[in-house]
Amino acid sequence: MKLSGVGELALLETLRKKFTKKTVGLVLGIGDDAAVIMPGGKQTLLATDMMVEGVHFDLDWTTPYQAGFKLVSVNVSDIYAMGGRPRFLLLNFAAGENTDIKVFNRLFDGVDLALKTYDITLIGGDISSSREMVLSATVIGHSGRILRRSGARRGDNIYVTGRLGDAAAGLELMKIIKRPVEIEKNRTTDFPLKWDIIKSLIERHLMPVARRPVKFANKASSMIDISDGLLLDLSRICAESGTGASIFLEKIPVSEGLVKAAEYLGTPPHEFALGGGEDYELLFTAPAREKVDAFCIGEITDRGLKIIDKTGKAEKFKLKGYRHFAG
């Protein structure tokens, strides 16, 4: 059955029945002109992000389930990057009228898994028609202490919460595979590299999991999530903080799978780690006196953006990463 045969009201009623979770702070959820929440006097955070077919995802190799999960993750990651806890989600969906209802249902199955993963509640949104599929979400959360990009200070250490470059390498592998891989159903695919090597990479691209900031929020001086690439996102912290940064190439963590995939793809691993986006690891700074259980990759300086290789040679950043409308 096509979406045009179901109708907006029936689709909304389907979602209303599917997402009925009661949660503290929710007064009125799906079904009215606006949702009503009472966050309990805490600082409220709001973050929104959009995913457009052909720009952020390709249904030739991404399943609707994966797109739904990823949509929630990328928005949750923005709340985490501010040191917050996500609570509520508003979601907008637009697709062609001939889209199969199975696509709609599977997409919201992926959304449902993400809601459970992050313990948040869908409280409303909108449905419309468009030539390409367009997904947009707004996450509402709260935080006791807000972490901004502008808090880095000279002498702070620079940290990342996990290995970088996997998502970018996974994207390159999917461009070769060129068909959906239902990793959510433990499906595999034939490929010159062993499946256990590429699975984690393509999963990181297709269904990234946002990193919780709980262990670092009280120690960090600034924070951002790595959505557009390490160098580009670090430059944003420096620009907002009025500082520079030096990072050590050999300290940037990369996975064994990335090393093997990079060799196959003919690209140095750190090319993916430095400029590849969508890792959704947290990048943050903290005073040197703090003991932090994360990967320390450099330090904040007065000015300049430098990469230092294993020989001690320093080179100026060449900003690599994803930018909309960049020439």
C-alpha atoms as a PDB file:
ATOM      1  CA  MET A   1       0.000   0.000   0.000  1.00  0.00           C
ATOM      2  CA  LYS A   2       1.166   3.545  -0.806  1.00  0.00           C
ATOM      3  CA  LEU A   3       1.243   6.451   1.647  1.00  0.00           C
ATOM      4  CA  SER A   4      -1.287   8.213  -0.594  1.00  0.00           C
ATOM      5  CA  GLY A   5      -3.702   5.355   0.074  1.00  0.00           C
ATOM      6  CA  VAL A   6      -3.361   5.649   3.827  1.00  0.00           C
ATOM      7  CA  GLY A   7      -3.585   9.397   4.399  1.00  0.00           C
ATOM      8  CA  GLU A   8      -2.008  11.790   6.885  1.00  0.00           C
ATOM      9  CA  LEU A   9      -4.606  11.356   9.634  1.00  0.00           C
ATOM     10  CA  ALA A  10      -4.293   7.578   9.617  1.00  0.00           C
ATOM     11  CA  LEU A  11      -0.507   7.831   9.683  1.00  0.00           C
ATOM     12  CA  LEU A  12      -0.639  10.212  12.633  1.00  0.00           C
ATOM     13  CA  GLU A  13      -3.033   7.907  14.470  1.00  0.00           C
ATOM     14  CA  THR A  14      -0.651   5.004  13.842  1.00  0.00           C
ATOM     15  CA  LEU A  15       2.157   6.971  15.477  1.00  0.00           C
ATOM     16  CA  ARG A  16      -0.073   8.100  18.319  1.00  0.00           C
ATOM     17  CA  LYS A  17      -0.866   4.485  19.169  1.00  0.00           C
ATOM     18  CA  LYS A  18       2.725   3.313  18.705  1.00  0.00           C
ATOM     19  CA  PHE A  19       4.355   5.950  20.912  1.00  0.00           C
ATOM     20  CA  THR A  20       2.205   6.034  24.037  1.00  0.00           C
ATOM     21  CA  LYS A  21       4.946   6.050  26.678  1.00  0.00           C
ATOM     22  CA  LYS A  22       4.128   8.021  29.828  1.00  0.00           C
ATOM     23  CA  THR A  23       7.062   9.947  31.214  1.00  0.00           C
ATOM     24  CA  VAL A  24       7.725  12.431  34.010  1.00  0.00           C
ATOM     25  CA  GLY A  25       7.494  16.006  32.769  1.00  0.00           C
ATOM     26  CA  LEU A  26       5.132  15.235  29.866  1.00  0.00           C
ATOM     27  CA  VAL A  27       1.724  16.895  30.251  1.00  0.00           C
ATOM     28  CA  LEU A  28       0.362  16.417  26.719  1.00  0.00           C
ATOM     29  CA  GLY A  29       1.930  14.457  23.875  1.00  0.00           C
ATOM     30  CA  ILE A  30       0.999  13.482  20.317  1.00  0.00           C
ATOM     31  CA  GLY A  31      -2.447  14.530  19.078  1.00  0.00           C
ATOM     32  CA  ASP A  32      -2.877  18.263  19.747  1.00  0.00           C
ATOM     33  CA  ASP A  33      -1.475  21.400  18.097  1.00  0.00           C
ATOM     34  CA  ALA A  34       1.474  21.424  20.487  1.00  0.00           C
ATOM     35  CA  ALA A  35       3.022  19.192  23.091  1.00  0.00           C
ATOM     36  CA  VAL A  36       3.155  20.392  26.694  1.00  0.00           C
ATOM     37  CA  ILE A  37       6.072  19.637  28.981  1.00  0.00           C
ATOM     38  CA  MET A  38       7.136  20.708  32.467  1.00  0.00           C
ATOM     39  CA  PRO A  39      10.897  20.143  32.763  1.00  0.00           C
ATOM     40  CA  GLY A  40      10.900  20.770  36.515  1.00  0.00           C
ATOM     41  CA  GLY A  41      12.734  24.072  36.713  1.00  0.00           C
ATOM     42  CA  LYS A  42      15.883  22.779  35.008  1.00  0.00           C
ATOM     43  CA  GLN A  43      17.741  24.490  32.160  1.00  0.00           C
ATOM     44  CA  THR A  44      16.029  23.368  28.970  1.00  0.00           C
ATOM     45  CA  LEU A  45      18.048  22.450  25.880  1.00  0.00           C
ATOM     46  CA  LEU A  46      16.620  22.322  22.360  1.00  0.00           C
ATOM     47  CA  ALA A  47      18.468  20.926  19.340  1.00  0.00           C
ATOM     48  CA  THR A  48      17.236  20.261  15.816  1.00  0.00           C
ATOM     49  CA  ASP A  49      18.746  18.527  12.818  1.00  0.00           C
ATOM     50  CA  MET A  50      17.591  17.520   9.353  1.00  0.00           C
ATOM     51  CA  MET A  51      18.364  14.558   7.093  1.00  0.00           C
ATOM     52  CA  VAL A  52      17.620  14.915   3.377  1.00  0.00           C
ATOM     53  CA  GLU A  53      17.611  11.975   0.972  1.00  0.00           C
ATOM     54  CA  GLY A  54      20.494  12.287  -1.461  1.00  0.00           C
ATOM     55  CA  VAL A  55      22.426  14.583   0.901  1.00  0.00           C
ATOM     56  CA  HIS A  56      22.560  12.838   4.293  1.00  0.00           C
ATOM     57  CA  PHE A  57      21.421   9.353   3.323  1.00  0.00           C
ATOM     58  CA  ASP A  58      20.854   7.252   0.220  1.00  0.00           C
ATOM     59  CA  LEU A  59      18.028   4.708   0.201  1.00  0.00           C
ATOM     60  CA  ASP A  60      19.949   2.742  -2.435  1.00  0.00           C
ATOM     61  CA  TRP A  61      22.126   1.504   0.421  1.00  0.00           C
ATOM     62  CA  THR A  62      20.423   2.716   3.607  1.00  0.00           C
ATOM     63  CA  THR A  63      17.358   0.947   4.999  1.00  0.00           C
ATOM     64  CA  PRO A  64      14.487   3.078   6.367  1.00  0.00           C
ATOM     65  CA  TYR A  65      15.091   1.459   9.763  1.00  0.00           C
ATOM     66  CA  GLN A  66      18.686   2.690   9.771  1.00  0.00           C
ATOM     67  CA  ALA A  67      17.647   6.199   8.670  1.00  0.00           C
ATOM     68  CA  GLY A  68      15.112   6.409  11.508  1.00  0.00           C
ATOM     69  CA  PHE A  69      17.627   5.329  14.134  1.00  0.00           C
ATOM     70  CA  LYS A  70      20.278   7.698  12.803  1.00  0.00           C
ATOM     71  CA  LEU A  71      17.915  10.669  12.758  1.00  0.00           C
ATOM     72  CA  VAL A  72      17.336  10.341  16.492  1.00  0.00           C
ATOM     73  CA  SER A  73      21.015   9.692  17.263  1.00  0.00           C
ATOM     74  CA  VAL A  74      22.341  12.788  15.510  1.00  0.00           C
ATOM     75  CA  ASN A  75      19.894  14.984  17.398  1.00  0.00           C
ATOM     76  CA  VAL A  76      20.540  13.320  20.750  1.00  0.00           C
ATOM     77  CA  SER A  77      24.253  13.818  20.164  1.00  0.00           C
ATOM     78  CA  ASP A  78      23.747  17.605  20.098  1.00  0.00           C
ATOM     79  CA  ILE A  79      22.112  17.498  23.525  1.00  0.00           C
ATOM     80  CA  TYR A  80      24.894  15.288  24.877  1.00  0.00           C
ATOM     81  CA  ALA A  81      27.467  17.733  23.478  1.00  0.00           C
ATOM     82  CA  MET A  82      26.014  20.426  25.740  1.00  0.00           C
ATOM     83  CA  GLY A  83      26.319  18.184  28.773  1.00  0.00           C
ATOM     84  CA  GLY A  84      22.586  17.548  28.810  1.00  0.00           C
ATOM     85  CA  ARG A  85      20.126  14.711  29.093  1.00  0.00           C
ATOM     86  CA  PRO A  86      17.609  14.304  26.237  1.00  0.00           C
ATOM     87  CA  ARG A  87      13.971  13.850  27.246  1.00  0.00           C
ATOM     88  CA  PHE A  88      11.526  14.542  24.396  1.00  0.00           C
ATOM     89  CA  LEU A  89      11.492  14.326  20.590  1.00  0.00           C
ATOM     90  CA  LEU A  90       9.508  16.108  17.869  1.00  0.00           C
ATOM     91  CA  LEU A  91       9.804  14.494  14.438  1.00  0.00           C
ATOM     92  CA  ASN A  92       8.869  15.687  10.940  1.00  0.00           C
ATOM     93  CA  PHE A  93       8.525  13.277   8.013  1.00  0.00           C
ATOM     94  CA  ALA A  94       8.060  14.065   4.320  1.00  0.00           C
ATOM     95  CA  ALA A  95       8.144  11.641   1.379  1.00  0.00           C
ATOM     96  CA  GLY A  96       6.644  11.046  -2.037  1.00  0.00           C
ATOM     97  CA  GLU A  97       2.992  10.001  -2.218  1.00  0.00           C
ATOM     98  CA  ASN A  98       3.941   6.710  -3.883  1.00  0.00           C
ATOM     99  CA  THR A  99       6.227   5.705  -1.022  1.00  0.00           C
ATOM    100  CA  ASP A 100       5.323   2.247   0.262  1.00  0.00           C
ATOM    101  CA  ILE A 101       3.758   2.165   3.733  1.00  0.00           C
ATOM    102  CA  LYS A 102       6.365  -0.457   4.668  1.00  0.00           C
ATOM    103  CA  VAL A 103       9.050   2.232   4.330  1.00  0.00           C
ATOM    104  CA  PHE A 104       7.140   4.460   6.759  1.00  0.00           C
ATOM    105  CA  ASN A 105       6.644   1.654   9.253  1.00  0.00           C
ATOM    106  CA  ARG A 106      10.247   0.459   9.141  1.00  0.00           C
ATOM    107  CA  LEU A 107      11.554   4.006   9.535  1.00  0.00           C
ATOM    108  CA  PHE A 108       9.539   4.459  12.702  1.00  0.00           C
ATOM    109  CA  ASP A 109      10.627   1.042  13.956  1.00  0.00           C
ATOM    110  CA  GLY A 110      14.177   2.434  13.790  1.00  0.00           C
ATOM    111  CA  VAL A 111      13.012   5.579  15.568  1.00  0.00           C
ATOM    112  CA  ASP A 112      11.434   3.414  18.247  1.00  0.00           C
ATOM    113  CA  LEU A 113      14.681   1.531  18.893  1.00  0.00           C
ATOM    114  CA  ALA A 114      16.540   4.826  19.249  1.00  0.00           C
ATOM    115  CA  LEU A 115      13.938   6.195  21.659  1.00  0.00           C
ATOM    116  CA  LYS A 116      14.441   3.129  23.834  1.00  0.00           C
ATOM    117  CA  THR A 117      18.229   3.342  23.509  1.00  0.00           C
ATOM    118  CA  TYR A 118      18.285   6.931  24.795  1.00  0.00           C
ATOM    119  CA  ASP A 119      15.205   6.717  27.066  1.00  0.00           C
ATOM    120  CA  ILE A 120      13.351   9.585  25.403  1.00  0.00           C
ATOM    121  CA  THR A 121       9.735  10.099  24.342  1.00  0.00           C
ATOM    122  CA  LEU A 122       8.264  11.058  20.963  1.00  0.00           C
ATOM    123  CA  ILE A 123       5.682  13.788  21.687  1.00  0.00           C
ATOM    124  CA  GLY A 124       4.677  15.139  18.270  1.00  0.00           C
ATOM    125  CA  GLY A 125       5.722  16.372  14.843  1.00  0.00           C
ATOM    126  CA  ASP A 126       4.385  16.721  11.318  1.00  0.00           C
ATOM    127  CA  ILE A 127       3.865  14.673   8.140  1.00  0.00           C
ATOM    128  CA  SER A 128       3.984  16.101   4.631  1.00  0.00           C
ATOM    129  CA  SER A 129       4.706  15.154   1.011  1.00  0.00           C
ATOM    130  CA  SER A 130       7.850  15.963  -0.942  1.00  0.00           C
ATOM    131  CA  ARG A 131       9.771  14.781  -3.974  1.00  0.00           C
ATOM    132  CA  GLU A 132      12.616  13.377  -1.854  1.00  0.00           C
ATOM    133  CA  MET A 133      12.379  11.978   1.638  1.00  0.00           C
ATOM    134  CA  VAL A 134      13.067  14.659   4.246  1.00  0.00           C
ATOM    135  CA  LEU A 135      13.432  13.846   7.935  1.00  0.00           C
ATOM    136  CA  SER A 136      13.754  16.417  10.686  1.00  0.00           C
ATOM    137  CA  ALA A 137      13.789  16.086  14.452  1.00  0.00           C
ATOM    138  CA  THR A 138      13.965  18.362  17.458  1.00  0.00           C
ATOM    139  CA  VAL A 139      15.188  17.017  20.779  1.00  0.00           C
ATOM    140  CA  ILE A 140      14.361  18.720  24.061  1.00  0.00           C
ATOM    141  CA  GLY A 141      16.482  18.031  27.114  1.00  0.00           C
ATOM    142  CA  HIS A 142      17.787  19.540  30.304  1.00  0.00           C
ATOM    143  CA  SER A 143      21.076  20.091  32.073  1.00  0.00           C
ATOM    144  CA  GLY A 144      22.311  21.351  35.384  1.00  0.00           C
ATOM    145  CA  ARG A 145      25.568  22.672  33.900  1.00  0.00           C
ATOM    146  CA  ILE A 146      25.673  23.810  30.285  1.00  0.00           C
ATOM    147  CA  LEU A 147      28.846  23.006  28.337  1.00  0.00           C
ATOM    148  CA  ARG A 148      29.577  25.440  25.513  1.00  0.00           C
ATOM    149  CA  ARG A 149      32.141  25.537  22.723  1.00  0.00           C
ATOM    150  CA  SER A 150      33.550  28.771  24.126  1.00  0.00           C
ATOM    151  CA  GLY A 151      35.019  27.443  27.388  1.00  0.00           C
ATOM    152  CA  ALA A 152      38.432  26.172  26.243  1.00  0.00           C
ATOM    153  CA  ARG A 153      41.463  27.873  27.837  1.00  0.00           C
ATOM    154  CA  ARG A 154      45.189  27.818  27.126  1.00  0.00           C
ATOM    155  CA  GLY A 155      46.775  24.764  28.733  1.00  0.00           C
ATOM    156  CA  ASP A 156      43.622  22.646  28.619  1.00  0.00           C
ATOM    157  CA  ASN A 157      44.025  19.135  27.254  1.00  0.00           C
ATOM    158  CA  ILE A 158      41.999  18.052  24.227  1.00  0.00           C
ATOM    159  CA  TYR A 159      40.122  14.748  24.422  1.00  0.00           C
ATOM    160  CA  VAL A 160      37.955  12.499  22.282  1.00  0.00           C
ATOM    161  CA  THR A 161      35.701   9.788  23.668  1.00  0.00           C
ATOM    162  CA  GLY A 162      36.485   7.086  21.111  1.00  0.00           C
ATOM    163  CA  ARG A 163      38.122   6.007  17.873  1.00  0.00           C
ATOM    164  CA  LEU A 164      37.686   8.261  14.869  1.00  0.00           C
ATOM    165  CA  GLY A 165      37.236   7.729  11.152  1.00  0.00           C
ATOM    166  CA  ASP A 166      35.124   4.562  11.251  1.00  0.00           C
ATOM    167  CA  ALA A 167      31.971   6.246   9.939  1.00  0.00           C
ATOM    168  CA  ALA A 168      33.779   7.890   7.019  1.00  0.00           C
ATOM    169  CA  ALA A 169      35.413   4.595   6.056  1.00  0.00           C
ATOM    170  CA  GLY A 170      32.040   2.869   6.395  1.00  0.00           C
ATOM    171  CA  LEU A 171      30.549   5.373   3.960  1.00  0.00           C
ATOM    172  CA  GLU A 172      33.275   4.638   1.402  1.00  0.00           C
ATOM    173  CA  LEU A 173      32.646   0.909   1.777  1.00  0.00           C
ATOM    174  CA  MET A 174      28.905   1.413   1.265  1.00  0.00           C
ATOM    175  CA  LYS A 175      29.636   3.325  -1.938  1.00  0.00           C
ATOM    176  CA  ILE A 176      31.303   0.136  -3.175  1.00  0.00           C
ATOM    177  CA  ILE A 177      28.641  -2.265  -1.859  1.00  0.00           C
ATOM    178  CA  LYS A 178      25.852  -0.092  -3.331  1.00  0.00           C
ATOM    179  CA  ARG A 179      22.963  -1.955  -1.764  1.00  0.00           C
ATOM    180  CA  PRO A 180      21.276  -2.036   1.635  1.00  0.00           C
ATOM    181  CA  VAL A 181      22.857  -4.203   4.316  1.00  0.00           C
ATOM    182  CA  GLU A 182      20.358  -5.017   7.059  1.00  0.00           C
ATOM    183  CA  ILE A 183      22.822  -4.983   9.920  1.00  0.00           C
ATOM    184  CA  GLU A 184      19.865  -4.552  12.266  1.00  0.00           C
ATOM    185  CA  LYS A 185      18.874  -8.104  11.297  1.00  0.00           C
ATOM    186  CA  ASN A 186      22.449  -9.402  11.495  1.00  0.00           C
ATOM    187  CA  ARG A 187      22.576  -9.727   7.701  1.00  0.00           C
ATOM    188  CA  THR A 188      25.970  -9.939   5.990  1.00  0.00           C
ATOM    189  CA  THR A 189      27.204  -9.186   2.485  1.00  0.00           C
ATOM    190  CA  ASP A 190      29.944 -10.475   0.219  1.00  0.00           C
ATOM    191  CA  PHE A 191      33.009  -8.256   0.125  1.00  0.00           C
ATOM    192  CA  PRO A 192      36.753  -8.694  -0.449  1.00  0.00           C
ATOM    193  CA  LEU A 193      37.398  -7.826   3.212  1.00  0.00           C
ATOM    194  CA  LYS A 194      36.206 -10.098   6.017  1.00  0.00           C
ATOM    195  CA  TRP A 195      32.779  -9.236   7.362  1.00  0.00           C
ATOM    196  CA  ASP A 196      34.031  -8.826  10.939  1.00  0.00           C
ATOM    197  CA  ILE A 197      36.351  -6.069   9.655  1.00  0.00           C
ATOM    198  CA  ILE A 198      33.776  -4.018   7.791  1.00  0.00           C
ATOM    199  CA  LYS A 199      30.673  -4.598   9.957  1.00  0.00           C
ATOM    200  CA  SER A 200      31.639  -2.146  12.680  1.00  0.00           C
ATOM    201  CA  LEU A 201      32.609   0.478  10.088  1.00  0.00           C
ATOM    202  CA  ILE A 202      29.400   0.420   8.089  1.00  0.00           C
ATOM    203  CA  GLU A 203      27.355   0.164  11.293  1.00  0.00           C
ATOM    204  CA  ARG A 204      29.065   3.318  12.540  1.00  0.00           C
ATOM    205  CA  HIS A 205      27.976   5.086   9.367  1.00  0.00           C
ATOM    206  CA  LEU A 206      24.468   3.649   9.095  1.00  0.00           C
ATOM    207  CA  MET A 207      23.423   3.510  12.775  1.00  0.00           C
ATOM    208  CA  PRO A 208      25.740   5.647  14.918  1.00  0.00           C
ATOM    209  CA  VAL A 209      25.253   5.669  18.680  1.00  0.00           C
ATOM    210  CA  ALA A 210      25.667   9.016  20.428  1.00  0.00           C
ATOM    211  CA  ARG A 211      28.134   9.133  23.338  1.00  0.00           C
ATOM    212  CA  ARG A 212      26.831  10.023  26.777  1.00  0.00           C
ATOM    213  CA  PRO A 213      28.817  12.782  28.531  1.00  0.00           C
ATOM    214  CA  VAL A 214      28.142  11.687  32.106  1.00  0.00           C
ATOM    215  CA  LYS A 215      31.761  10.757  32.930  1.00  0.00           C
ATOM    216  CA  PHE A 216      33.186  14.000  31.530  1.00  0.00           C
ATOM    217  CA  ALA A 217      30.569  16.717  31.978  1.00  0.00           C
ATOM    218  CA  ASN A 218      31.788  17.890  35.400  1.00  0.00           C
ATOM    219  CA  LYS A 219      35.418  18.084  34.243  1.00  0.00           C
ATOM    220  CA  ALA A 220      35.093  19.514  30.740  1.00  0.00           C
ATOM    221  CA  SER A 221      35.608  23.178  29.946  1.00  0.00           C
ATOM    222  CA  SER A 222      34.150  22.982  26.426  1.00  0.00           C
ATOM    223  CA  MET A 223      32.541  20.295  24.296  1.00  0.00           C
ATOM    224  CA  ILE A 224      31.242  19.557  20.797  1.00  0.00           C
ATOM    225  CA  ASP A 225      30.204  16.387  19.000  1.00  0.00           C
ATOM    226  CA  ILE A 226      32.213  15.254  15.983  1.00  0.00           C
ATOM    227  CA  SER A 227      29.646  15.448  13.220  1.00  0.00           C
ATOM    228  CA  ASP A 228      31.613  17.243  10.491  1.00  0.00           C
ATOM    229  CA  GLY A 229      35.142  15.960  11.188  1.00  0.00           C
ATOM    230  CA  LEU A 230      37.754  16.323  13.947  1.00  0.00           C
ATOM    231  CA  LEU A 231      39.655  19.246  12.429  1.00  0.00           C
ATOM    232  CA  LEU A 232      36.592  21.248  11.476  1.00  0.00           C
ATOM    233  CA  ASP A 233      34.826  20.709  14.782  1.00  0.00           C
ATOM    234  CA  LEU A 234      37.973  21.460  16.810  1.00  0.00           C
ATOM    235  CA  SER A 235      38.407  24.686  14.837  1.00  0.00           C
ATOM    236  CA  ARG A 236      34.905  25.654  15.972  1.00  0.00           C
ATOM    237  CA  ILE A 237      35.848  25.242  19.635  1.00  0.00           C
ATOM    238  CA  CYS A 238      38.948  27.363  19.047  1.00  0.00           C
ATOM    239  CA  ALA A 239      37.040  30.059  17.170  1.00  0.00           C
ATOM    240  CA  GLU A 240      34.427  30.336  19.919  1.00  0.00           C
ATOM    241  CA  SER A 241      37.035  30.223  22.698  1.00  0.00           C
ATOM    242  CA  GLY A 242      39.517  32.620  21.056  1.00  0.00           C
ATOM    243  CA  THR A 243      42.332  30.056  21.251  1.00  0.00           C
ATOM    244  CA  GLY A 244      44.515  27.818  19.122  1.00  0.00           C
ATOM    245  CA  ALA A 245      45.191  24.091  19.326  1.00  0.00           C
ATOM    246  CA  SER A 246      47.922  21.546  18.731  1.00  0.00           C
ATOM    247  CA  ILE A 247      47.052  17.897  18.202  1.00  0.00           C
ATOM    248  CA  PHE A 248      49.392  14.932  17.973  1.00  0.00           C
ATOM    249  CA  LEU A 249      48.746  12.719  14.975  1.00  0.00           C
ATOM    250  CA  GLU A 250      49.968   9.561  16.686  1.00  0.00           C
ATOM    251  CA  LYS A 251      47.598  10.086  19.623  1.00  0.00           C
ATOM    252  CA  ILE A 252      44.447  10.145  17.528  1.00  0.00           C
ATOM    253  CA  PRO A 253      42.736   6.779  18.198  1.00  0.00           C
ATOM    254  CA  VAL A 254      41.817   4.623  15.199  1.00  0.00           C
ATOM    255  CA  SER A 255      40.396   1.115  15.112  1.00  0.00           C
ATOM    256  CA  GLU A 256      42.100  -1.966  13.704  1.00  0.00           C
ATOM    257  CA  GLY A 257      39.196  -2.327  11.293  1.00  0.00           C
ATOM    258  CA  LEU A 258      39.781   1.197   9.977  1.00  0.00           C
ATOM    259  CA  VAL A 259      43.479   0.469   9.397  1.00  0.00           C
ATOM    260  CA  LYS A 260      42.649  -2.612   7.326  1.00  0.00           C
ATOM    261  CA  ALA A 261      39.840  -0.911   5.411  1.00  0.00           C
ATOM    262  CA  ALA A 262      41.996   2.143   4.736  1.00  0.00           C
ATOM    263  CA  GLU A 263      44.686  -0.074   3.248  1.00  0.00           C
ATOM    264  CA  TYR A 264      42.089  -1.661   0.966  1.00  0.00           C
ATOM    265  CA  LEU A 265      40.711   1.754  -0.015  1.00  0.00           C
ATOM    266  CA  GLY A 266      44.198   3.155  -0.635  1.00  0.00           C
ATOM    267  CA  THR A 267      43.786   6.009   1.848  1.00  0.00           C
ATOM    268  CA  PRO A 268      45.882   6.687   4.988  1.00  0.00           C
ATOM    269  CA  PRO A 269      43.817   5.902   8.124  1.00  0.00           C
ATOM    270  CA  HIS A 270      44.307   9.351   9.575  1.00  0.00           C
ATOM    271  CA  GLU A 271      42.739  10.939   6.511  1.00  0.00           C
ATOM    272  CA  PHE A 272      39.473   9.391   7.663  1.00  0.00           C
ATOM    273  CA  ALA A 273      40.128  10.241  11.319  1.00  0.00           C
ATOM    274  CA  LEU A 274      40.980  13.902  10.700  1.00  0.00           C
ATOM    275  CA  GLY A 275      38.393  14.851   8.116  1.00  0.00           C
ATOM    276  CA  GLY A 276      35.726  12.160   8.197  1.00  0.00           C
ATOM    277  CA  GLY A 277      32.460  13.245   9.749  1.00  0.00           C
ATOM    278  CA  GLU A 278      29.586  11.493  11.513  1.00  0.00           C
ATOM    279  CA  ASP A 279      31.639   9.745  14.190  1.00  0.00           C
ATOM    280  CA  TYR A 280      29.450  11.377  16.852  1.00  0.00           C
ATOM    281  CA  GLU A 281      32.166  10.929  19.423  1.00  0.00           C
ATOM    282  CA  LEU A 282      32.496  13.817  21.861  1.00  0.00           C
ATOM    283  CA  LEU A 283      35.408  16.227  21.452  1.00  0.00           C
ATOM    284  CA  PHE A 284      36.096  18.208  24.599  1.00  0.00           C
ATOM    285  CA  THR A 285      38.685  20.117  26.576  1.00  0.00           C
ATOM    286  CA  ALA A 286      39.499  19.936  30.270  1.00  0.00           C
ATOM    287  CA  PRO A 287      42.080  21.518  32.583  1.00  0.00           C
ATOM    288  CA  ALA A 288      45.335  19.547  32.660  1.00  0.00           C
ATOM    289  CA  ARG A 289      44.908  18.910  36.401  1.00  0.00           C
ATOM    290  CA  GLU A 290      41.771  16.844  35.810  1.00  0.00           C
ATOM    291  CA  LYS A 291      42.001  13.059  35.516  1.00  0.00           C
ATOM    292  CA  VAL A 292      39.920  12.144  32.491  1.00  0.00           C
ATOM    293  CA  ASP A 293      39.165   8.654  31.203  1.00  0.00           C
ATOM    294  CA  ALA A 294      39.285   9.497  27.481  1.00  0.00           C
ATOM    295  CA  PHE A 295      41.812   9.762  24.655  1.00  0.00           C
ATOM    296  CA  CYS A 296      44.028  12.835  25.080  1.00  0.00           C
ATOM    297  CA  ILE A 297      45.056  14.018  21.595  1.00  0.00           C
ATOM    298  CA  GLY A 298      46.547  17.458  22.188  1.00  0.00           C
ATOM    299  CA  GLU A 299      46.335  20.755  24.012  1.00  0.00           C
ATOM    300  CA  ILE A 300      44.821  24.197  23.698  1.00  0.00           C
ATOM    301  CA  THR A 301      47.274  26.981  22.803  1.00  0.00           C
ATOM    302  CA  ASP A 302      47.149  30.764  22.480  1.00  0.00           C
ATOM    303  CA  ARG A 303      46.762  30.790  18.709  1.00  0.00           C
ATOM    304  CA  GLY A 304      47.169  28.748  15.549  1.00  0.00           C
ATOM    305  CA  LEU A 305      45.857  25.317  14.594  1.00  0.00           C
ATOM    306  CA  LYS A 306      48.604  22.725  14.256  1.00  0.00           C
ATOM    307  CA  ILE A 307      49.037  19.005  13.693  1.00  0.00           C
ATOM    308  CA  ILE A 308      52.258  17.504  15.090  1.00  0.00           C
ATOM    309  CA  ASP A 309      53.502  14.267  13.516  1.00  0.00           C
ATOM    310  CA  LYS A 310      55.569  11.539  15.189  1.00  0.00           C
ATOM    311  CA  THR A 311      58.826  13.304  14.280  1.00  0.00           C
ATOM    312  CA  GLY A 312      57.710  16.470  16.067  1.00  0.00           C
ATOM    313  CA  LYS A 313      57.109  18.395  12.850  1.00  0.00           C
ATOM    314  CA  ALA A 314      54.192  20.803  13.107  1.00  0.00           C
ATOM    315  CA  GLU A 315      51.945  21.721  10.204  1.00  0.00           C
ATOM    316  CA  LYS A 316      49.034  24.142  10.037  1.00  0.00           C
ATOM    317  CA  PHE A 317      45.548  22.615   9.912  1.00  0.00           C
ATOM    318  CA  LYS A 318      44.000  22.232   6.515  1.00  0.00           C
ATOM    319  CA  LEU A 319      40.367  22.267   7.486  1.00  0.00           C
ATOM    320  CA  LYS A 320      38.894  18.956   6.406  1.00  0.00           C
ATOM    321  CA  GLY A 321      35.328  17.989   7.051  1.00  0.00           C
ATOM    322  CA  TYR A 322      31.791  18.322   5.778  1.00  0.00           C
ATOM    323  CA  ARG A 323      30.368  21.794   5.159  1.00  0.00           C
ATOM    324  CA  HIS A 324      27.028  22.512   3.491  1.00  0.00           C
ATOM    325  CA  PHE A 325      27.227  24.803   0.456  1.00  0.00           C
ATOM    326  CA  ALA A 326      31.056  24.662   0.478  1.00  0.00           C
ATOM    327  CA  GLY A 327      32.559  25.100  -2.963  1.00  0.00           C
END
